[in-house]
Amino acid sequence: MKKILVTGGCGFIGANLLPMLLDREYEVRVLDSLILGSRDYIKGLDVEFVQGDIRDAGDAARAVRGVDTVIHLAAFGSVVASVEDPKTNFDMNPGGTLNMLQASVEAGVEQFVFSSTGGALIGNAEPPVNEQSLPKPISPYGAGKLACEGYLNAFAGSYGLRTKIMRFANVYGPYSGHKLGAVTAFIKAVHANEPIVLFGDGSASRDFLYTDDLCRGITGVAEADLAPATVLHLASGNETTVLELARLVAATGGRPDHEIVLRDARPGEVQRNFAAFDLARETIGFNPSTGLEEGLARTWDWFREHVL
């Protein structure tokens, strides 16, 4: 039985990923600081829990001991917050990732699977972007993720660590009640009968990927025989404007005429983004199957039961 460490396992993606790993008969350990995550998300799951911070070298060393694979999800995950506080973003993302990489090498971990980002890392490029797109991040969050990818390449070359890089689209789904993303904000606004607020003119676009599809991609990457530091985009391949998303969320909540207001665009956020996932389809058979309307309906049902 292979043993996997999931950092940030008590967060949004971790809560969806852990049951899939257990179903595949992995032994799972979770490292989480509980700053944003919740132990309630892993209640009833047969996982080992370690409370600690990836920024602490001792916590990192303790967490990787005896582990075959690290799936590194823990991160400072907000573009807007990174503009407001770039130092904390740096300490958490490049700094915390470097701690985890060093600890993994010292503990003899076989592979390190990293959660990166597509849009924020590549910046304002003509979509669809892919693994060949030139990164030009316009936010500290994107710059930090690019630095992390550089360290994964370096640790593969310098220490022989089998590293893999996954660039996520905008992920949504259950267990995201604490997140700051658009889907969460729009659902809460519709339920509270408050206006949905869009920053910019509504034409900014994103690639929205349902969490079950993402997590199947993560397990596929973890199990695949890939060259060191391989980069794969895990995305839907579909471009959706934030105005279209707002209208879909409102309709999902039974309020198709819900008020939408526009505010000034925020610095650091890209205008258009969606990604091609051809390489992931070819190498790991990645093929997302949940359409946006279906995924939003499932997400709304989870919020109604657990948050609203």
Protein backbone atom coordinates (compact mmCIF):
# COMPACT_ATOMS: atom_id res chain seq x y z
CA MET A 1 0.00 0.00 0.00
CA LYS A 2 1.42 3.35 -1.06
CA LYS A 3 1.39 6.17 1.48
CA ILE A 4 0.42 9.65 0.28
CA LEU A 5 0.75 12.95 2.12
CA VAL A 6 -1.77 15.61 1.10
CA THR A 7 -0.81 19.07 2.31
CA GLY A 8 -3.81 21.33 2.82
CA GLY A 9 -5.95 18.20 2.95
CA CYS A 10 -8.56 19.85 5.18
CA GLY A 11 -9.28 22.48 2.53
CA PHE A 12 -11.59 22.64 -0.46
CA ILE A 13 -9.76 20.43 -2.95
CA GLY A 14 -8.36 18.13 -0.29
CA ALA A 15 -11.81 17.36 1.08
CA ASN A 16 -12.88 16.21 -2.38
CA LEU A 17 -9.64 14.39 -3.19
CA LEU A 18 -9.19 12.32 -0.02
CA PRO A 19 -12.20 10.02 -0.56
CA MET A 20 -10.94 9.25 -4.08
CA LEU A 21 -7.50 8.33 -2.76
CA LEU A 22 -9.03 6.10 -0.07
CA ASP A 23 -11.24 4.41 -2.66
CA ARG A 24 -8.04 3.60 -4.57
CA GLU A 25 -6.69 1.98 -1.37
CA TYR A 26 -3.93 4.45 -0.61
CA GLU A 27 -2.83 5.08 2.94
CA VAL A 28 -3.35 8.82 3.43
CA ARG A 29 -1.80 11.36 5.78
CA VAL A 30 -2.96 14.99 5.90
CA LEU A 31 -0.89 18.03 6.86
CA ASP A 32 -2.94 21.14 7.54
CA SER A 33 -2.50 24.23 9.68
CA LEU A 34 -6.29 24.65 10.02
CA ILE A 35 -5.87 28.38 9.34
CA LEU A 36 -8.40 28.03 6.53
CA GLY A 37 -9.14 24.31 6.45
CA SER A 38 -11.50 22.46 8.76
CA ARG A 39 -11.17 19.05 10.40
CA ASP A 40 -14.91 18.70 9.86
CA TYR A 41 -14.14 18.23 6.16
CA ILE A 42 -12.26 14.99 6.88
CA LYS A 43 -14.51 13.74 9.67
CA GLY A 44 -15.16 10.03 9.30
CA LEU A 45 -12.35 9.47 6.80
CA ASP A 46 -9.65 6.91 7.58
CA VAL A 47 -6.73 9.33 7.32
CA GLU A 48 -3.86 10.27 9.62
CA PHE A 49 -3.98 13.94 10.55
CA VAL A 50 -0.92 16.07 11.33
CA GLN A 51 -1.53 19.65 12.36
CA GLY A 52 1.30 21.83 11.17
CA ASP A 53 2.40 24.59 8.85
CA ILE A 54 4.30 24.10 5.59
CA ARG A 55 6.33 27.20 6.47
CA ASP A 56 7.80 25.33 9.45
CA ALA A 57 10.68 23.02 8.49
CA GLY A 58 10.06 20.79 11.50
CA ASP A 59 6.39 20.34 10.63
CA ALA A 60 7.34 19.55 7.03
CA ALA A 61 9.90 16.95 8.10
CA ARG A 62 7.44 15.32 10.48
CA ALA A 63 4.73 15.14 7.84
CA VAL A 64 6.79 13.51 5.04
CA ARG A 65 8.35 10.78 7.17
CA GLY A 66 7.58 7.38 5.66
CA VAL A 67 5.66 8.80 2.72
CA ASP A 68 5.99 7.67 -0.92
CA THR A 69 4.17 10.59 -2.59
CA VAL A 70 3.47 14.20 -1.62
CA ILE A 71 0.47 15.93 -3.20
CA HIS A 72 1.10 19.55 -2.33
CA LEU A 73 -2.16 21.52 -2.26
CA ALA A 74 -1.51 23.90 0.66
CA ALA A 75 -1.16 27.46 -0.62
CA PHE A 76 -1.98 31.13 -0.25
CA GLY A 77 -4.65 30.96 -2.93
CA SER A 78 -6.01 34.43 -3.69
CA VAL A 79 -4.81 36.78 -6.43
CA VAL A 80 -6.45 39.80 -4.80
CA ALA A 81 -5.05 38.98 -1.35
CA SER A 82 -1.58 38.50 -2.84
CA VAL A 83 -1.68 42.04 -4.22
CA GLU A 84 -2.61 43.30 -0.75
CA ASP A 85 -0.04 41.15 1.06
CA PRO A 86 2.74 39.90 -1.26
CA LYS A 87 5.08 38.99 1.62
CA THR A 88 2.70 36.46 3.17
CA ASN A 89 2.00 35.08 -0.28
CA PHE A 90 5.74 34.61 -0.83
CA ASP A 91 6.31 33.00 2.56
CA MET A 92 3.46 30.54 2.04
CA ASN A 93 3.87 29.64 -1.63
CA PRO A 94 7.55 29.66 -2.67
CA GLY A 95 8.76 29.48 0.94
CA GLY A 96 6.42 26.73 2.08
CA THR A 97 6.92 24.75 -1.12
CA LEU A 98 10.70 24.92 -0.73
CA ASN A 99 10.34 23.57 2.82
CA MET A 100 8.24 20.67 1.57
CA LEU A 101 10.67 19.91 -1.26
CA GLN A 102 13.70 19.89 1.05
CA ALA A 103 11.94 17.69 3.57
CA SER A 104 10.87 15.31 0.81
CA VAL A 105 14.41 14.87 -0.50
CA GLU A 106 15.78 14.29 3.00
CA ALA A 107 13.06 11.72 3.74
CA GLY A 108 13.51 9.82 0.48
CA VAL A 109 10.07 10.62 -0.92
CA GLU A 110 9.60 9.12 -4.39
CA GLN A 111 7.52 11.84 -6.05
CA PHE A 112 6.20 15.34 -5.43
CA VAL A 113 2.98 16.43 -7.17
CA PHE A 114 2.41 20.19 -7.16
CA SER A 115 -0.75 22.25 -7.60
CA SER A 116 0.07 25.28 -9.73
CA THR A 117 -2.16 27.64 -11.68
CA GLY A 118 -2.73 28.48 -15.31
CA GLY A 119 -4.21 31.95 -15.69
CA ALA A 120 -2.42 33.80 -12.90
CA LEU A 121 0.95 32.29 -13.80
CA ILE A 122 0.74 32.92 -17.54
CA GLY A 123 -0.90 36.34 -17.27
CA ASN A 124 -2.60 38.25 -20.07
CA ALA A 125 -1.98 35.92 -23.01
CA GLU A 126 -4.26 35.14 -25.94
CA PRO A 127 -6.29 32.08 -24.91
CA PRO A 128 -6.44 29.17 -25.02
CA VAL A 129 -3.17 28.81 -23.14
CA ASN A 130 -1.24 25.56 -22.87
CA GLU A 131 2.02 24.14 -21.56
CA GLN A 132 4.01 26.05 -24.19
CA SER A 133 2.58 29.47 -23.27
CA LEU A 134 5.18 31.93 -21.99
CA PRO A 135 4.56 32.79 -18.30
CA LYS A 136 4.27 36.51 -17.63
CA PRO A 137 2.43 36.76 -14.29
CA ILE A 138 0.83 40.10 -13.36
CA SER A 139 0.15 39.30 -9.68
CA PRO A 140 2.33 38.19 -6.75
CA TYR A 141 0.24 35.01 -6.61
CA GLY A 142 1.13 34.14 -10.20
CA ALA A 143 4.78 35.07 -9.66
CA GLY A 144 4.92 32.87 -6.58
CA LYS A 145 3.50 29.87 -8.40
CA LEU A 146 6.02 30.40 -11.21
CA ALA A 147 8.82 30.43 -8.63
CA CYS A 148 7.47 27.17 -7.20
CA GLU A 149 7.52 25.57 -10.65
CA GLY A 150 11.14 26.68 -11.00
CA TYR A 151 12.04 24.96 -7.73
CA LEU A 152 10.29 21.76 -8.83
CA ASN A 153 12.40 21.76 -11.98
CA ALA A 154 15.54 22.42 -9.92
CA PHE A 155 14.82 19.65 -7.40
CA ALA A 156 14.22 17.18 -10.24
CA GLY A 157 17.54 18.16 -11.83
CA SER A 158 19.64 18.55 -8.69
CA TYR A 159 18.29 15.84 -6.40
CA GLY A 160 16.46 13.38 -8.64
CA LEU A 161 13.10 14.00 -7.02
CA ARG A 162 10.31 12.91 -9.39
CA THR A 163 8.29 16.11 -9.59
CA LYS A 164 5.03 16.74 -11.46
CA ILE A 165 3.27 20.06 -12.00
CA MET A 166 -0.48 20.50 -12.44
CA ARG A 167 -1.83 23.87 -13.57
CA PHE A 168 -5.38 24.16 -12.29
CA ALA A 169 -8.22 26.06 -13.93
CA ASN A 170 -10.72 27.90 -11.68
CA VAL A 171 -12.02 25.06 -9.56
CA TYR A 172 -15.47 25.05 -7.94
CA GLY A 173 -17.66 22.56 -6.12
CA PRO A 174 -18.56 21.24 -2.65
CA TYR A 175 -16.52 22.20 0.44
CA SER A 176 -15.77 25.66 -0.96
CA GLY A 177 -17.81 27.67 1.54
CA HIS A 178 -14.71 29.40 2.92
CA LYS A 179 -13.20 30.27 -0.47
CA LEU A 180 -13.00 33.77 -1.96
CA GLY A 181 -13.68 32.79 -5.58
CA ALA A 182 -16.48 33.95 -7.86
CA VAL A 183 -18.74 30.92 -7.57
CA THR A 184 -18.78 31.05 -3.77
CA ALA A 185 -19.33 34.82 -3.72
CA PHE A 186 -22.13 34.65 -6.29
CA ILE A 187 -23.96 31.80 -4.53
CA LYS A 188 -23.85 33.63 -1.21
CA ALA A 189 -25.06 36.87 -2.81
CA VAL A 190 -28.03 35.20 -4.51
CA HIS A 191 -29.04 33.40 -1.33
CA ALA A 192 -28.80 36.58 0.74
CA ASN A 193 -30.74 38.52 -1.93
CA GLU A 194 -27.82 40.92 -2.28
CA PRO A 195 -26.43 42.14 -5.62
CA ILE A 196 -23.81 40.04 -7.37
CA VAL A 197 -20.75 42.28 -7.67
CA LEU A 198 -18.56 42.03 -10.76
CA PHE A 199 -15.19 43.78 -11.01
CA GLY A 200 -14.82 45.24 -14.48
CA ASP A 201 -17.39 45.26 -17.26
CA GLY A 202 -18.28 41.56 -16.95
CA SER A 203 -16.33 40.47 -20.00
CA ALA A 204 -13.40 38.97 -18.07
CA SER A 205 -13.37 35.21 -18.67
CA ARG A 206 -12.21 32.12 -16.85
CA ASP A 207 -12.06 28.35 -17.25
CA PHE A 208 -14.30 26.75 -14.61
CA LEU A 209 -13.58 23.11 -13.69
CA TYR A 210 -15.74 21.02 -11.36
CA THR A 211 -13.84 19.57 -8.45
CA ASP A 212 -14.61 15.89 -9.18
CA ASP A 213 -13.06 16.27 -12.63
CA LEU A 214 -10.03 18.00 -11.15
CA CYS A 215 -9.51 15.32 -8.49
CA ARG A 216 -9.67 12.55 -11.09
CA GLY A 217 -6.97 14.49 -12.91
CA ILE A 218 -4.85 14.71 -9.77
CA THR A 219 -5.01 10.96 -9.16
CA GLY A 220 -4.18 10.39 -12.82
CA VAL A 221 -1.10 12.61 -12.58
CA ALA A 222 0.02 10.93 -9.35
CA GLU A 223 -0.23 7.47 -10.90
CA ALA A 224 1.22 8.25 -14.34
CA ASP A 225 4.78 7.56 -15.47
CA LEU A 226 5.76 11.07 -16.54
CA ALA A 227 9.10 12.72 -17.22
CA PRO A 228 10.47 14.75 -14.27
CA ALA A 229 8.91 18.23 -13.91
CA THR A 230 6.21 17.50 -16.49
CA VAL A 231 3.62 20.29 -16.63
CA LEU A 232 -0.04 19.48 -17.36
CA HIS A 233 -3.02 21.82 -17.56
CA LEU A 234 -6.11 20.44 -15.83
CA ALA A 235 -8.94 22.54 -17.24
CA SER A 236 -12.33 22.38 -18.92
CA GLY A 237 -11.18 24.00 -22.15
CA ASN A 238 -14.24 26.27 -22.09
CA GLU A 239 -14.24 30.07 -21.82
CA THR A 240 -16.98 31.59 -19.61
CA THR A 241 -17.27 35.30 -18.86
CA VAL A 242 -17.95 36.34 -15.29
CA LEU A 243 -21.20 37.92 -16.44
CA GLU A 244 -22.30 34.59 -17.94
CA LEU A 245 -21.30 32.87 -14.70
CA ALA A 246 -23.27 35.34 -12.59
CA ARG A 247 -26.40 34.77 -14.67
CA LEU A 248 -25.98 30.99 -14.46
CA VAL A 249 -25.58 31.09 -10.67
CA ALA A 250 -28.64 33.33 -10.34
CA ALA A 251 -30.69 30.97 -12.51
CA THR A 252 -29.43 27.97 -10.52
CA GLY A 253 -30.68 29.68 -7.35
CA GLY A 254 -34.09 30.27 -8.88
CA ARG A 255 -33.57 34.02 -9.37
CA PRO A 256 -32.73 34.56 -13.05
CA ASP A 257 -33.38 38.31 -12.77
CA HIS A 258 -31.10 38.78 -9.75
CA GLU A 259 -29.36 42.16 -9.60
CA ILE A 260 -25.81 42.38 -10.94
CA VAL A 261 -23.66 45.47 -10.33
CA LEU A 262 -20.34 46.46 -11.85
CA ARG A 263 -17.35 47.86 -9.97
CA ASP A 264 -13.87 48.96 -11.04
CA ALA A 265 -11.57 46.17 -12.19
CA ARG A 266 -9.05 44.96 -9.61
CA PRO A 267 -5.28 45.01 -10.18
CA GLY A 268 -3.48 41.72 -10.73
CA GLU A 269 -6.39 39.87 -12.34
CA VAL A 270 -6.08 38.70 -15.94
CA GLN A 271 -8.75 39.71 -18.44
CA ARG A 272 -9.27 36.50 -20.42
CA ASN A 273 -8.22 32.95 -19.62
CA PHE A 274 -9.03 29.40 -20.57
CA ALA A 275 -6.72 26.48 -21.23
CA ALA A 276 -6.33 23.60 -23.65
CA PHE A 277 -5.83 20.25 -21.91
CA ASP A 278 -4.69 18.20 -24.93
CA LEU A 279 -1.47 17.06 -23.25
CA ALA A 280 -3.30 15.86 -20.13
CA ARG A 281 -5.77 13.99 -22.33
CA GLU A 282 -2.95 12.32 -24.24
CA THR A 283 -0.79 11.39 -21.23
CA ILE A 284 -3.26 10.56 -18.45
CA GLY A 285 -6.60 10.25 -20.27
CA PHE A 286 -7.94 13.42 -18.65
CA ASN A 287 -11.42 14.22 -19.94
CA PRO A 288 -13.67 16.40 -17.72
CA SER A 289 -17.28 15.27 -17.89
CA THR A 290 -19.22 17.73 -15.71
CA GLY A 291 -20.73 20.68 -17.55
CA LEU A 292 -20.92 24.06 -15.86
CA GLU A 293 -24.70 24.02 -15.34
CA GLU A 294 -24.61 20.55 -13.80
CA GLY A 295 -21.62 21.42 -11.63
CA LEU A 296 -23.24 24.62 -10.39
CA ALA A 297 -26.42 22.72 -9.50
CA ARG A 298 -24.41 20.21 -7.45
CA THR A 299 -22.47 23.03 -5.79
CA TRP A 300 -25.65 24.95 -4.97
CA ASP A 301 -27.14 21.83 -3.36
CA TRP A 302 -24.05 21.42 -1.16
CA PHE A 303 -24.14 25.08 -0.10
CA ARG A 304 -27.85 24.85 0.68
CA GLU A 305 -27.25 21.83 2.91
CA HIS A 306 -24.06 22.95 4.65
CA VAL A 307 -23.63 26.73 4.42
CA LEU A 308 -26.74 28.71 3.54
